[in-house]
Amino acid sequence: MNSTIEIQKSISTWDMMVHAPIKKVVKFGLICTGLGVVMGIGLGVFIVTEMPGVL
């Protein structure tokens, strides 16, 4: 009986880890997208200013 309780507890812990609130997922996605845009703009500016012969 104790093993059944332990198995149910581990499943519920896994269940809590997997099911993240959608607001947190969207917020994390927007933060990562924002960082990617900023890094992409910086890289683009660097390429344009440092490599005039490419374009």
Protein backbone atom coordinates (compact mmCIF):
# COMPACT_ATOMS: atom_id res chain seq x y z
CA MET A 1 0.00 0.00 0.00
CA ASN A 2 2.84 2.40 0.75
CA SER A 3 4.34 1.88 -2.69
CA THR A 4 1.01 2.84 -4.29
CA ILE A 5 0.95 6.10 -2.35
CA GLU A 6 4.54 6.89 -3.32
CA ILE A 7 3.84 6.24 -7.00
CA GLN A 8 0.78 8.51 -6.94
CA LYS A 9 2.80 11.23 -5.25
CA SER A 10 5.58 11.07 -7.85
CA ILE A 11 3.03 11.21 -10.67
CA SER A 12 1.37 14.27 -9.14
CA THR A 13 4.76 15.96 -8.76
CA TRP A 14 5.55 15.23 -12.42
CA ASP A 15 2.09 16.47 -13.35
CA MET A 16 2.74 19.78 -11.57
CA MET A 17 6.11 20.17 -13.34
CA VAL A 18 4.68 19.57 -16.81
CA HIS A 19 1.54 21.69 -16.62
CA ALA A 20 2.87 25.24 -16.50
CA PRO A 21 0.41 28.13 -16.51
CA ILE A 22 -0.09 29.51 -20.02
CA LYS A 23 0.64 33.09 -18.89
CA LYS A 24 4.12 32.10 -17.70
CA VAL A 25 4.81 30.25 -20.96
CA VAL A 26 3.71 33.24 -23.06
CA LYS A 27 5.72 35.63 -20.89
CA PHE A 28 8.84 33.47 -21.22
CA GLY A 29 8.34 33.23 -24.99
CA LEU A 30 7.98 36.99 -25.35
CA ILE A 31 11.10 37.62 -23.27
CA CYS A 32 13.13 35.19 -25.39
CA THR A 33 11.75 36.70 -28.60
CA GLY A 34 12.61 40.21 -27.41
CA LEU A 35 16.15 39.19 -26.54
CA GLY A 36 16.52 37.50 -29.92
CA VAL A 37 15.30 40.60 -31.76
CA VAL A 38 17.70 42.84 -29.86
CA MET A 39 20.65 40.50 -30.51
CA GLY A 40 19.69 40.19 -34.17
CA ILE A 41 19.52 43.96 -34.61
CA GLY A 42 22.90 44.32 -32.90
CA LEU A 43 24.45 41.68 -35.14
CA GLY A 44 22.94 43.30 -38.22
CA VAL A 45 24.29 46.71 -37.28
CA PHE A 46 27.72 45.20 -36.62
CA ILE A 47 27.78 43.48 -40.02
CA VAL A 48 26.67 46.64 -41.83
CA THR A 49 29.15 48.92 -40.09
CA GLU A 50 32.19 46.62 -39.93
CA MET A 51 31.94 44.93 -43.34
CA PRO A 52 31.23 47.61 -45.95
CA GLY A 53 32.47 45.41 -48.81
CA VAL A 54 29.81 42.73 -48.26
CA LEU A 55 26.86 44.85 -49.33
